[in-house]
Amino acid sequence: MVAQAVRQVIEWIYSFSGDYGVAIVLVTVCIRTLLIPLNIQQRKQMKRQQEISGEAERLKEKYKKNPQKMEEELQKLYQEKGFGTAGCLMSFVQAPIMLCLYNGIRLISAAGATTVLLPWVSSLLLRDQKMILPAATLIVQLLPQLYPYIRYFKELELQKMSVPMMLAMLAVNSTFVFVIPSGVGLYYFVSGLFHAAEQLAVNLWDVRRLAEEG
């Protein structure tokens, strides 16, 4: 039912844009924009959890010869700091929204749906035979994982994903993005690009804030 509503929104935007690709991009951007507040809370929670993990490691090192004291101090740390639910909330909220958008795009009724955004694709209901869009999608999904390796962001101490983890992520995503319809692939590309741009903006803001505080 929700997927049908998403399809109707796409069809409505198409009615005045004349392009299904543009309609999909606009719907994706609108949804990602609405999710920004939850993304902000998720980032704050992740940063907080990293700080707690760092303190926990220091306590383990300090009391490694006294397991009982270590356990007491760790319990005290977790009780004082606690763990929020923003990260879990983001997953529970975002997953069904994205699934509905995915299904809504798949329900597009026009078999010959094309877009000027992907001139090499004969229909958004077919997969990209030239693999251009899937390859671009994998690249934009990888971008945020490369930010911690940029020297300009060194002071932020961003959490790094190991090379094996990156390769595993690309392998898993590759099995999906290379076989989905181009319309869905366009959604994943725009969503990934939005996320990469959003994270870049946050990192640049944090660098500026640290410079002003210093």
N, C-alpha and C. Protein backbone atom coordinates (compact mmCIF):
# COMPACT_ATOMS: atom_id res chain seq x y z
N MET A 1 0.83 -1.21 0.00
CA MET A 1 0.00 0.00 0.00
C MET A 1 0.86 1.26 0.00
N VAL A 2 1.88 1.28 0.88
CA VAL A 2 2.78 2.43 0.92
C VAL A 2 3.57 2.52 -0.36
N ALA A 3 4.00 1.36 -0.87
CA ALA A 3 4.74 1.34 -2.13
C ALA A 3 3.89 1.92 -3.26
N GLN A 4 2.60 1.61 -3.25
CA GLN A 4 1.70 2.18 -4.26
C GLN A 4 1.64 3.70 -4.14
N ALA A 5 1.65 4.19 -2.90
CA ALA A 5 1.63 5.64 -2.67
C ALA A 5 2.90 6.28 -3.22
N VAL A 6 4.04 5.62 -3.00
CA VAL A 6 5.32 6.12 -3.53
C VAL A 6 5.27 6.15 -5.04
N ARG A 7 4.73 5.09 -5.63
CA ARG A 7 4.61 5.05 -7.10
C ARG A 7 3.75 6.21 -7.60
N GLN A 8 2.67 6.49 -6.90
CA GLN A 8 1.78 7.57 -7.31
C GLN A 8 2.48 8.93 -7.22
N VAL A 9 3.32 9.09 -6.19
CA VAL A 9 4.08 10.34 -6.06
C VAL A 9 5.03 10.48 -7.24
N ILE A 10 5.70 9.38 -7.58
CA ILE A 10 6.62 9.40 -8.73
C ILE A 10 5.86 9.72 -10.01
N GLU A 11 4.71 9.09 -10.18
CA GLU A 11 3.90 9.35 -11.37
C GLU A 11 3.43 10.80 -11.39
N TRP A 12 3.10 11.35 -10.21
CA TRP A 12 2.65 12.75 -10.14
C TRP A 12 3.76 13.71 -10.54
N ILE A 13 4.97 13.49 -10.03
CA ILE A 13 6.10 14.35 -10.40
C ILE A 13 6.40 14.19 -11.89
N TYR A 14 6.25 12.97 -12.39
CA TYR A 14 6.47 12.73 -13.81
C TYR A 14 5.48 13.51 -14.67
N SER A 15 4.27 13.70 -14.15
CA SER A 15 3.22 14.37 -14.92
C SER A 15 3.60 15.81 -15.30
N PHE A 16 4.46 16.45 -14.49
CA PHE A 16 4.87 17.81 -14.88
C PHE A 16 6.36 17.90 -15.21
N SER A 17 7.13 16.87 -14.86
CA SER A 17 8.56 16.90 -15.22
C SER A 17 8.80 16.20 -16.56
N GLY A 18 7.93 15.23 -16.87
CA GLY A 18 8.07 14.50 -18.12
C GLY A 18 9.24 13.55 -18.15
N ASP A 19 9.81 13.25 -16.98
CA ASP A 19 10.99 12.39 -16.92
C ASP A 19 10.95 11.56 -15.64
N TYR A 20 10.89 10.23 -15.79
CA TYR A 20 10.84 9.36 -14.61
C TYR A 20 12.13 9.44 -13.79
N GLY A 21 13.24 9.59 -14.46
CA GLY A 21 14.51 9.69 -13.75
C GLY A 21 14.54 10.90 -12.83
N VAL A 22 14.10 12.03 -13.34
CA VAL A 22 14.05 13.26 -12.54
C VAL A 22 13.10 13.07 -11.35
N ALA A 23 11.97 12.40 -11.61
CA ALA A 23 11.00 12.14 -10.54
C ALA A 23 11.62 11.29 -9.43
N ILE A 24 12.36 10.27 -9.81
CA ILE A 24 13.00 9.40 -8.82
C ILE A 24 14.04 10.16 -8.01
N VAL A 25 14.80 11.00 -8.69
CA VAL A 25 15.82 11.80 -8.01
C VAL A 25 15.18 12.74 -6.99
N LEU A 26 14.10 13.41 -7.39
CA LEU A 26 13.43 14.36 -6.49
C LEU A 26 12.84 13.66 -5.26
N VAL A 27 12.21 12.50 -5.48
CA VAL A 27 11.64 11.75 -4.36
C VAL A 27 12.75 11.29 -3.41
N THR A 28 13.85 10.80 -3.98
CA THR A 28 14.97 10.34 -3.15
C THR A 28 15.56 11.47 -2.32
N VAL A 29 15.77 12.63 -2.95
CA VAL A 29 16.33 13.78 -2.24
C VAL A 29 15.40 14.24 -1.12
N CYS A 30 14.11 14.25 -1.40
CA CYS A 30 13.13 14.67 -0.38
C CYS A 30 13.18 13.74 0.84
N ILE A 31 13.22 12.44 0.58
CA ILE A 31 13.25 11.48 1.68
C ILE A 31 14.55 11.60 2.47
N ARG A 32 15.68 11.70 1.76
CA ARG A 32 16.96 11.82 2.46
C ARG A 32 17.03 13.11 3.27
N THR A 33 16.40 14.17 2.77
CA THR A 33 16.38 15.43 3.50
C THR A 33 15.57 15.30 4.78
N LEU A 34 14.44 14.62 4.70
CA LEU A 34 13.60 14.41 5.88
C LEU A 34 14.31 13.58 6.94
N LEU A 35 15.24 12.74 6.52
CA LEU A 35 15.95 11.86 7.44
C LEU A 35 17.19 12.51 8.06
N ILE A 36 17.51 13.73 7.64
CA ILE A 36 18.72 14.40 8.16
C ILE A 36 18.73 14.49 9.69
N PRO A 37 17.62 14.91 10.34
CA PRO A 37 17.65 14.98 11.82
C PRO A 37 18.02 13.65 12.48
N LEU A 38 17.49 12.55 11.93
CA LEU A 38 17.83 11.24 12.49
C LEU A 38 19.29 10.89 12.21
N ASN A 39 19.79 11.29 11.04
CA ASN A 39 21.20 11.05 10.72
C ASN A 39 22.11 11.79 11.70
N ILE A 40 21.73 13.02 12.05
CA ILE A 40 22.51 13.81 12.99
C ILE A 40 22.56 13.12 14.35
N GLN A 41 21.41 12.65 14.81
CA GLN A 41 21.35 11.95 16.10
C GLN A 41 22.17 10.67 16.06
N GLN A 42 22.13 9.99 14.93
CA GLN A 42 22.90 8.75 14.80
C GLN A 42 24.39 9.03 14.87
N ARG A 43 24.85 10.10 14.21
CA ARG A 43 26.27 10.43 14.25
C ARG A 43 26.71 10.80 15.66
N LYS A 44 25.86 11.55 16.37
CA LYS A 44 26.19 11.92 17.75
C LYS A 44 26.31 10.68 18.62
N GLN A 45 25.37 9.75 18.42
CA GLN A 45 25.39 8.53 19.21
C GLN A 45 26.62 7.68 18.91
N MET A 46 26.99 7.59 17.64
CA MET A 46 28.17 6.82 17.25
C MET A 46 29.43 7.43 17.85
N LYS A 47 29.51 8.76 17.83
CA LYS A 47 30.67 9.44 18.41
C LYS A 47 30.74 9.19 19.91
N ARG A 48 29.58 9.21 20.56
CA ARG A 48 29.53 8.95 21.99
C ARG A 48 29.96 7.53 22.31
N GLN A 49 29.53 6.58 21.51
CA GLN A 49 29.90 5.19 21.72
C GLN A 49 31.40 4.98 21.51
N GLN A 50 31.99 5.71 20.55
CA GLN A 50 33.43 5.63 20.33
C GLN A 50 34.19 6.15 21.54
N GLU A 51 33.69 7.26 22.13
CA GLU A 51 34.33 7.82 23.31
C GLU A 51 34.27 6.84 24.48
N ILE A 52 33.09 6.20 24.65
CA ILE A 52 32.93 5.23 25.73
C ILE A 52 33.85 4.04 25.51
N SER A 53 33.96 3.59 24.26
CA SER A 53 34.84 2.46 23.94
C SER A 53 36.29 2.80 24.26
N GLY A 54 36.68 4.06 23.96
CA GLY A 54 38.04 4.49 24.27
C GLY A 54 38.31 4.49 25.76
N GLU A 55 37.35 4.99 26.54
CA GLU A 55 37.49 4.99 28.00
C GLU A 55 37.53 3.57 28.54
N ALA A 56 36.72 2.70 27.96
CA ALA A 56 36.69 1.30 28.40
C ALA A 56 38.04 0.62 28.15
N GLU A 57 38.66 0.89 27.01
CA GLU A 57 39.96 0.31 26.71
C GLU A 57 41.02 0.79 27.69
N ARG A 58 40.94 2.07 28.07
CA ARG A 58 41.90 2.61 29.03
C ARG A 58 41.74 1.95 30.41
N LEU A 59 40.49 1.71 30.79
CA LEU A 59 40.23 1.05 32.07
C LEU A 59 40.73 -0.40 32.06
N LYS A 60 40.55 -1.06 30.93
CA LYS A 60 41.02 -2.44 30.81
C LYS A 60 42.53 -2.51 30.92
N GLU A 61 43.20 -1.55 30.32
CA GLU A 61 44.65 -1.52 30.40
C GLU A 61 45.11 -1.18 31.81
N LYS A 62 44.41 -0.25 32.45
CA LYS A 62 44.79 0.20 33.80
C LYS A 62 44.61 -0.90 34.83
N TYR A 63 43.52 -1.67 34.71
CA TYR A 63 43.21 -2.68 35.72
C TYR A 63 43.34 -4.10 35.18
N LYS A 64 44.23 -4.30 34.23
CA LYS A 64 44.36 -5.62 33.62
C LYS A 64 44.84 -6.68 34.61
N LYS A 65 45.48 -6.25 35.68
CA LYS A 65 45.95 -7.20 36.69
C LYS A 65 44.94 -7.37 37.83
N ASN A 66 43.84 -6.66 37.73
CA ASN A 66 42.81 -6.75 38.76
C ASN A 66 41.44 -6.87 38.08
N PRO A 67 41.09 -8.05 37.61
CA PRO A 67 39.83 -8.26 36.86
C PRO A 67 38.59 -7.79 37.61
N GLN A 68 38.56 -8.00 38.90
CA GLN A 68 37.38 -7.60 39.67
C GLN A 68 37.20 -6.09 39.67
N LYS A 69 38.31 -5.37 39.88
CA LYS A 69 38.26 -3.91 39.86
C LYS A 69 37.91 -3.41 38.46
N MET A 70 38.46 -4.09 37.46
CA MET A 70 38.18 -3.72 36.08
C MET A 70 36.68 -3.82 35.79
N GLU A 71 36.08 -4.91 36.22
CA GLU A 71 34.65 -5.12 35.98
C GLU A 71 33.82 -4.06 36.70
N GLU A 72 34.22 -3.70 37.90
CA GLU A 72 33.50 -2.68 38.67
C GLU A 72 33.56 -1.33 37.96
N GLU A 73 34.75 -0.98 37.49
CA GLU A 73 34.94 0.31 36.82
C GLU A 73 34.20 0.36 35.48
N LEU A 74 34.20 -0.75 34.77
CA LEU A 74 33.49 -0.79 33.49
C LEU A 74 31.99 -0.66 33.70
N GLN A 75 31.46 -1.33 34.71
CA GLN A 75 30.04 -1.22 35.03
C GLN A 75 29.68 0.20 35.41
N LYS A 76 30.55 0.83 36.16
CA LYS A 76 30.33 2.22 36.56
C LYS A 76 30.32 3.14 35.34
N LEU A 77 31.26 2.88 34.42
CA LEU A 77 31.35 3.69 33.19
C LEU A 77 30.07 3.57 32.38
N TYR A 78 29.61 2.34 32.17
CA TYR A 78 28.42 2.11 31.35
C TYR A 78 27.16 2.70 32.01
N GLN A 79 27.12 2.64 33.33
CA GLN A 79 25.96 3.20 34.03
C GLN A 79 25.95 4.72 33.95
N GLU A 80 27.14 5.34 34.04
CA GLU A 80 27.23 6.80 33.99
C GLU A 80 26.98 7.34 32.59
N LYS A 81 27.59 6.69 31.61
CA LYS A 81 27.50 7.18 30.23
C LYS A 81 26.26 6.64 29.52
N GLY A 82 26.05 5.34 29.66
CA GLY A 82 24.90 4.72 29.02
C GLY A 82 25.06 4.70 27.50
N PHE A 83 24.14 4.02 26.87
CA PHE A 83 24.10 3.96 25.40
C PHE A 83 22.72 4.37 24.94
N GLY A 84 22.68 5.33 24.02
CA GLY A 84 21.40 5.80 23.50
C GLY A 84 20.84 4.85 22.45
N THR A 85 19.65 5.18 21.96
CA THR A 85 18.99 4.32 20.98
C THR A 85 18.86 4.99 19.62
N ALA A 86 19.53 6.13 19.42
CA ALA A 86 19.37 6.86 18.15
C ALA A 86 19.82 6.04 16.97
N GLY A 87 20.94 5.29 17.14
CA GLY A 87 21.44 4.49 16.03
C GLY A 87 20.44 3.44 15.62
N CYS A 88 19.88 2.72 16.63
CA CYS A 88 18.88 1.69 16.34
C CYS A 88 17.62 2.31 15.74
N LEU A 89 17.22 3.46 16.27
CA LEU A 89 16.02 4.13 15.77
C LEU A 89 16.18 4.48 14.31
N MET A 90 17.38 4.97 13.96
CA MET A 90 17.63 5.34 12.57
C MET A 90 17.46 4.13 11.65
N SER A 91 17.98 2.98 12.09
CA SER A 91 17.87 1.76 11.28
C SER A 91 16.43 1.33 11.12
N PHE A 92 15.67 1.37 12.21
CA PHE A 92 14.27 0.94 12.17
C PHE A 92 13.42 1.87 11.32
N VAL A 93 13.72 3.17 11.34
CA VAL A 93 12.93 4.14 10.59
C VAL A 93 13.32 4.16 9.12
N GLN A 94 14.63 4.16 8.86
CA GLN A 94 15.10 4.31 7.49
C GLN A 94 14.85 3.08 6.64
N ALA A 95 15.02 1.89 7.21
CA ALA A 95 14.90 0.66 6.43
C ALA A 95 13.53 0.51 5.76
N PRO A 96 12.40 0.64 6.49
CA PRO A 96 11.10 0.50 5.82
C PRO A 96 10.83 1.60 4.81
N ILE A 97 11.31 2.82 5.09
CA ILE A 97 11.11 3.92 4.14
C ILE A 97 11.81 3.62 2.83
N MET A 98 13.05 3.17 2.92
CA MET A 98 13.81 2.87 1.72
C MET A 98 13.25 1.66 0.98
N LEU A 99 12.72 0.69 1.74
CA LEU A 99 12.12 -0.48 1.11
C LEU A 99 10.87 -0.08 0.32
N CYS A 100 10.08 0.82 0.90
CA CYS A 100 8.87 1.29 0.21
C CYS A 100 9.23 2.06 -1.05
N LEU A 101 10.29 2.87 -0.97
CA LEU A 101 10.73 3.61 -2.16
C LEU A 101 11.20 2.63 -3.23
N TYR A 102 11.95 1.64 -2.80
CA TYR A 102 12.43 0.60 -3.72
C TYR A 102 11.27 -0.07 -4.45
N ASN A 103 10.27 -0.51 -3.67
CA ASN A 103 9.12 -1.19 -4.28
C ASN A 103 8.28 -0.24 -5.12
N GLY A 104 8.20 1.03 -4.71
CA GLY A 104 7.44 2.01 -5.47
C GLY A 104 8.02 2.22 -6.85
N ILE A 105 9.34 2.27 -6.91
CA ILE A 105 10.01 2.44 -8.21
C ILE A 105 9.78 1.22 -9.09
N ARG A 106 9.81 0.06 -8.48
CA ARG A 106 9.61 -1.17 -9.25
C ARG A 106 8.19 -1.26 -9.82
N LEU A 107 7.26 -0.53 -9.23
CA LEU A 107 5.87 -0.58 -9.68
C LEU A 107 5.55 0.43 -10.78
N ILE A 108 6.55 1.19 -11.21
CA ILE A 108 6.31 2.13 -12.31
C ILE A 108 5.70 1.38 -13.49
N SER A 109 4.60 1.90 -13.97
CA SER A 109 3.82 1.15 -14.97
C SER A 109 4.31 1.32 -16.41
N ALA A 110 5.01 2.41 -16.68
CA ALA A 110 5.42 2.67 -18.07
C ALA A 110 6.59 1.79 -18.47
N ALA A 111 6.34 0.81 -19.28
CA ALA A 111 7.39 -0.14 -19.69
C ALA A 111 8.52 0.56 -20.43
N GLY A 112 8.21 1.63 -21.12
CA GLY A 112 9.23 2.35 -21.88
C GLY A 112 9.80 3.52 -21.14
N ALA A 113 9.69 3.52 -19.82
CA ALA A 113 10.17 4.65 -19.02
C ALA A 113 11.65 4.87 -19.23
N THR A 114 12.01 6.06 -19.68
CA THR A 114 13.40 6.41 -19.91
C THR A 114 13.69 7.72 -19.18
N THR A 115 14.94 8.13 -19.23
CA THR A 115 15.33 9.39 -18.61
C THR A 115 16.54 9.98 -19.32
N VAL A 116 16.58 11.28 -19.37
CA VAL A 116 17.73 11.96 -19.97
C VAL A 116 18.95 11.81 -19.08
N LEU A 117 18.74 11.43 -17.82
CA LEU A 117 19.86 11.26 -16.89
C LEU A 117 20.67 10.01 -17.21
N LEU A 118 20.02 9.03 -17.84
CA LEU A 118 20.69 7.78 -18.23
C LEU A 118 20.39 7.49 -19.70
N PRO A 119 20.94 8.27 -20.62
CA PRO A 119 20.59 8.13 -22.04
C PRO A 119 20.95 6.78 -22.64
N TRP A 120 21.85 6.04 -22.02
CA TRP A 120 22.26 4.74 -22.56
C TRP A 120 21.33 3.61 -22.11
N VAL A 121 20.35 3.91 -21.25
CA VAL A 121 19.43 2.89 -20.73
C VAL A 121 18.10 2.98 -21.48
N SER A 122 17.64 1.87 -22.03
CA SER A 122 16.41 1.86 -22.82
C SER A 122 15.15 1.93 -21.97
N SER A 123 15.22 1.46 -20.72
CA SER A 123 14.09 1.50 -19.81
C SER A 123 14.58 1.44 -18.37
N LEU A 124 13.95 2.25 -17.51
CA LEU A 124 14.33 2.25 -16.10
C LEU A 124 13.90 0.97 -15.39
N LEU A 125 13.08 0.16 -16.06
CA LEU A 125 12.65 -1.10 -15.48
C LEU A 125 13.63 -2.23 -15.79
N LEU A 126 14.65 -1.92 -16.62
CA LEU A 126 15.68 -2.90 -16.96
C LEU A 126 16.99 -2.54 -16.29
N ARG A 127 17.85 -3.50 -16.11
CA ARG A 127 19.15 -3.21 -15.50
C ARG A 127 20.07 -2.56 -16.53
N ASP A 128 21.04 -1.86 -16.04
CA ASP A 128 22.00 -1.16 -16.89
C ASP A 128 22.96 -2.17 -17.51
N GLN A 129 22.77 -2.44 -18.79
CA GLN A 129 23.59 -3.43 -19.47
C GLN A 129 25.05 -3.00 -19.58
N LYS A 130 25.31 -1.70 -19.61
CA LYS A 130 26.68 -1.20 -19.73
C LYS A 130 27.36 -1.08 -18.37
N MET A 131 26.63 -1.31 -17.29
CA MET A 131 27.18 -1.33 -15.93
C MET A 131 27.75 0.01 -15.48
N ILE A 132 27.37 1.09 -16.14
CA ILE A 132 27.89 2.41 -15.77
C ILE A 132 27.30 2.87 -14.44
N LEU A 133 25.97 2.80 -14.34
CA LEU A 133 25.30 3.24 -13.12
C LEU A 133 25.70 2.39 -11.90
N PRO A 134 25.73 1.05 -11.99
CA PRO A 134 26.16 0.26 -10.84
C PRO A 134 27.57 0.59 -10.38
N ALA A 135 28.48 0.77 -11.36
CA ALA A 135 29.87 1.11 -11.00
C ALA A 135 29.93 2.46 -10.29
N ALA A 136 29.16 3.43 -10.79
CA ALA A 136 29.13 4.76 -10.17
C ALA A 136 28.54 4.68 -8.77
N THR A 137 27.54 3.81 -8.59
CA THR A 137 26.90 3.64 -7.28
C THR A 137 27.89 3.08 -6.26
N LEU A 138 28.68 2.11 -6.67
CA LEU A 138 29.68 1.54 -5.77
C LEU A 138 30.71 2.59 -5.36
N ILE A 139 31.07 3.44 -6.29
CA ILE A 139 32.06 4.49 -6.00
C ILE A 139 31.54 5.46 -4.95
N VAL A 140 30.29 5.95 -5.13
CA VAL A 140 29.75 6.93 -4.18
C VAL A 140 29.50 6.28 -2.81
N GLN A 141 29.20 4.97 -2.79
CA GLN A 141 29.02 4.29 -1.51
C GLN A 141 30.36 4.12 -0.78
N LEU A 142 31.43 4.08 -1.55
CA LEU A 142 32.76 3.91 -0.96
C LEU A 142 33.33 5.23 -0.44
N LEU A 143 32.91 6.34 -1.02
CA LEU A 143 33.49 7.65 -0.69
C LEU A 143 33.54 7.96 0.81
N PRO A 144 32.43 7.81 1.57
CA PRO A 144 32.49 8.15 3.00
C PRO A 144 33.52 7.33 3.77
N GLN A 145 33.82 6.11 3.28
CA GLN A 145 34.79 5.27 3.96
C GLN A 145 36.22 5.74 3.70
N LEU A 146 36.40 6.61 2.72
CA LEU A 146 37.73 7.13 2.40
C LEU A 146 38.05 8.42 3.15
N TYR A 147 37.04 9.09 3.68
CA TYR A 147 37.25 10.36 4.38
C TYR A 147 38.25 10.25 5.54
N PRO A 148 38.22 9.17 6.35
CA PRO A 148 39.18 9.08 7.45
C PRO A 148 40.64 9.05 6.99
N TYR A 149 40.87 8.70 5.73
CA TYR A 149 42.23 8.61 5.21
C TYR A 149 42.72 9.93 4.60
N ILE A 150 41.85 10.93 4.58
CA ILE A 150 42.22 12.25 4.05
C ILE A 150 42.92 13.05 5.16
N ARG A 151 44.10 13.55 4.89
CA ARG A 151 44.90 14.23 5.90
C ARG A 151 44.19 15.45 6.48
N TYR A 152 43.38 16.11 5.68
CA TYR A 152 42.69 17.31 6.13
C TYR A 152 41.75 17.00 7.30
N PHE A 153 41.25 15.75 7.36
CA PHE A 153 40.31 15.35 8.41
C PHE A 153 41.00 14.57 9.54
N LYS A 154 42.33 14.61 9.58
CA LYS A 154 43.09 13.82 10.55
C LYS A 154 42.70 14.14 11.99
N GLU A 155 42.51 15.43 12.29
CA GLU A 155 42.20 15.85 13.66
C GLU A 155 40.84 15.35 14.14
N LEU A 156 39.97 14.98 13.23
CA LEU A 156 38.64 14.51 13.62
C LEU A 156 38.68 13.09 14.17
N GLU A 157 39.78 12.37 13.90
CA GLU A 157 39.93 10.98 14.36
C GLU A 157 38.72 10.13 13.94
N LEU A 158 38.40 10.22 12.67
CA LEU A 158 37.27 9.45 12.14
C LEU A 158 37.59 7.96 12.19
N GLN A 159 36.55 7.19 12.45
CA GLN A 159 36.73 5.74 12.52
C GLN A 159 36.99 5.19 11.12
N LYS A 160 38.07 4.40 11.01
CA LYS A 160 38.45 3.86 9.71
C LYS A 160 37.90 2.45 9.52
N MET A 161 37.46 2.20 8.30
CA MET A 161 37.05 0.85 7.93
C MET A 161 38.26 0.16 7.32
N SER A 162 38.53 -1.03 7.77
CA SER A 162 39.68 -1.75 7.26
C SER A 162 39.49 -2.09 5.78
N VAL A 163 40.61 -2.32 5.11
CA VAL A 163 40.56 -2.66 3.69
C VAL A 163 39.74 -3.94 3.44
N PRO A 164 39.94 -4.99 4.24
CA PRO A 164 39.10 -6.19 4.05
C PRO A 164 37.61 -5.90 4.20
N MET A 165 37.27 -5.03 5.16
CA MET A 165 35.86 -4.67 5.35
C MET A 165 35.33 -3.91 4.15
N MET A 166 36.15 -3.01 3.60
CA MET A 166 35.74 -2.26 2.41
C MET A 166 35.49 -3.21 1.24
N LEU A 167 36.42 -4.14 1.05
CA LEU A 167 36.27 -5.09 -0.04
C LEU A 167 35.03 -5.96 0.15
N ALA A 168 34.77 -6.35 1.40
CA ALA A 168 33.58 -7.15 1.69
C ALA A 168 32.31 -6.36 1.40
N MET A 169 32.31 -5.07 1.78
CA MET A 169 31.16 -4.22 1.53
C MET A 169 30.91 -4.08 0.03
N LEU A 170 31.98 -3.86 -0.74
CA LEU A 170 31.84 -3.74 -2.19
C LEU A 170 31.36 -5.04 -2.81
N ALA A 171 31.85 -6.16 -2.29
CA ALA A 171 31.44 -7.46 -2.82
C ALA A 171 29.95 -7.70 -2.59
N VAL A 172 29.48 -7.40 -1.38
CA VAL A 172 28.07 -7.59 -1.06
C VAL A 172 27.19 -6.67 -1.90
N ASN A 173 27.58 -5.39 -1.98
CA ASN A 173 26.79 -4.44 -2.75
C ASN A 173 26.80 -4.75 -4.24
N SER A 174 27.91 -5.30 -4.71
CA SER A 174 28.02 -5.62 -6.14
C SER A 174 27.01 -6.67 -6.56
N THR A 175 26.75 -7.64 -5.68
CA THR A 175 25.80 -8.69 -6.00
C THR A 175 24.38 -8.16 -6.13
N PHE A 176 24.19 -6.94 -5.65
CA PHE A 176 22.85 -6.34 -5.67
C PHE A 176 22.72 -5.28 -6.75
N VAL A 177 23.63 -4.29 -6.75
CA VAL A 177 23.45 -3.12 -7.64
C VAL A 177 23.61 -3.47 -9.11
N PHE A 178 24.27 -4.57 -9.42
CA PHE A 178 24.46 -4.91 -10.83
C PHE A 178 23.28 -5.65 -11.44
N VAL A 179 22.30 -6.02 -10.63
CA VAL A 179 21.16 -6.79 -11.17
C VAL A 179 19.82 -6.08 -10.99
N ILE A 180 19.78 -4.99 -10.23
CA ILE A 180 18.51 -4.30 -9.99
C ILE A 180 18.12 -3.45 -11.20
N PRO A 181 16.83 -3.13 -11.34
CA PRO A 181 16.39 -2.25 -12.43
C PRO A 181 17.09 -0.89 -12.34
N SER A 182 17.27 -0.24 -13.45
CA SER A 182 18.00 1.03 -13.49
C SER A 182 17.31 2.10 -12.65
N GLY A 183 15.97 2.06 -12.56
CA GLY A 183 15.26 3.04 -11.76
C GLY A 183 15.62 2.92 -10.29
N VAL A 184 15.72 1.68 -9.82
CA VAL A 184 16.13 1.45 -8.43
C VAL A 184 17.60 1.80 -8.27
N GLY A 185 18.40 1.48 -9.28
CA GLY A 185 19.82 1.82 -9.24
C GLY A 185 20.03 3.32 -9.16
N LEU A 186 19.18 4.08 -9.84
CA LEU A 186 19.27 5.54 -9.79
C LEU A 186 18.99 6.04 -8.38
N TYR A 187 18.01 5.42 -7.74
CA TYR A 187 17.70 5.78 -6.36
C TYR A 187 18.90 5.51 -5.46
N TYR A 188 19.54 4.34 -5.60
CA TYR A 188 20.69 4.00 -4.76
C TYR A 188 21.87 4.93 -5.04
N PHE A 189 22.06 5.30 -6.28
CA PHE A 189 23.15 6.22 -6.62
C PHE A 189 22.93 7.58 -5.98
N VAL A 190 21.73 8.14 -6.14
CA VAL A 190 21.42 9.46 -5.59
C VAL A 190 21.47 9.43 -4.06
N SER A 191 20.95 8.36 -3.47
CA SER A 191 20.97 8.22 -2.03
C SER A 191 22.40 8.15 -1.50
N GLY A 192 23.26 7.39 -2.19
CA GLY A 192 24.66 7.28 -1.80
C GLY A 192 25.39 8.59 -1.97
N LEU A 193 25.09 9.30 -3.07
CA LEU A 193 25.72 10.60 -3.32
C LEU A 193 25.29 11.61 -2.26
N PHE A 194 24.03 11.57 -1.88
CA PHE A 194 23.51 12.47 -0.85
C PHE A 194 24.22 12.21 0.47
N HIS A 195 24.36 10.93 0.81
CA HIS A 195 25.02 10.56 2.07
C HIS A 195 26.48 11.00 2.07
N ALA A 196 27.17 10.79 0.94
CA ALA A 196 28.58 11.18 0.86
C ALA A 196 28.74 12.70 0.99
N ALA A 197 27.85 13.45 0.33
CA ALA A 197 27.91 14.91 0.41
C ALA A 197 27.57 15.40 1.82
N GLU A 198 26.58 14.76 2.44
CA GLU A 198 26.18 15.13 3.80
C GLU A 198 27.33 14.90 4.78
N GLN A 199 27.98 13.74 4.67
CA GLN A 199 29.08 13.42 5.58
C GLN A 199 30.26 14.35 5.34
N LEU A 200 30.52 14.69 4.08
CA LEU A 200 31.60 15.62 3.75
C LEU A 200 31.35 16.98 4.37
N ALA A 201 30.11 17.45 4.27
CA ALA A 201 29.74 18.75 4.85
C ALA A 201 29.93 18.75 6.37
N VAL A 202 29.54 17.65 7.01
CA VAL A 202 29.70 17.53 8.46
C VAL A 202 31.18 17.55 8.84
N ASN A 203 32.00 16.82 8.09
CA ASN A 203 33.44 16.79 8.39
C ASN A 203 34.07 18.17 8.22
N LEU A 204 33.71 18.87 7.16
CA LEU A 204 34.26 20.21 6.93
C LEU A 204 33.84 21.16 8.05
N TRP A 205 32.60 21.02 8.49
CA TRP A 205 32.09 21.86 9.59
C TRP A 205 32.85 21.57 10.88
N ASP A 206 33.09 20.29 11.16
CA ASP A 206 33.80 19.92 12.38
C ASP A 206 35.25 20.41 12.35
N VAL A 207 35.89 20.34 11.20
CA VAL A 207 37.28 20.85 11.08
C VAL A 207 37.30 22.36 11.36
N ARG A 208 36.34 23.06 10.81
CA ARG A 208 36.26 24.51 11.03
C ARG A 208 36.00 24.81 12.51
N ARG A 209 35.13 24.05 13.13
CA ARG A 209 34.82 24.26 14.54
C ARG A 209 36.04 24.03 15.43
N LEU A 210 36.79 22.97 15.13
CA LEU A 210 37.99 22.68 15.90
C LEU A 210 39.04 23.77 15.72
N ALA A 211 39.14 24.30 14.51
CA ALA A 211 40.09 25.38 14.24
C ALA A 211 39.74 26.63 15.02
N GLU A 212 38.45 26.92 15.13
CA GLU A 212 38.01 28.11 15.87
C GLU A 212 38.22 27.92 17.37
N GLU A 213 38.00 26.70 17.86
CA GLU A 213 38.18 26.43 19.28
C GLU A 213 39.66 26.45 19.67
N GLY A 214 40.50 26.03 18.67
CA GLY A 214 41.93 26.01 18.96
C GLY A 214 42.56 27.37 18.89
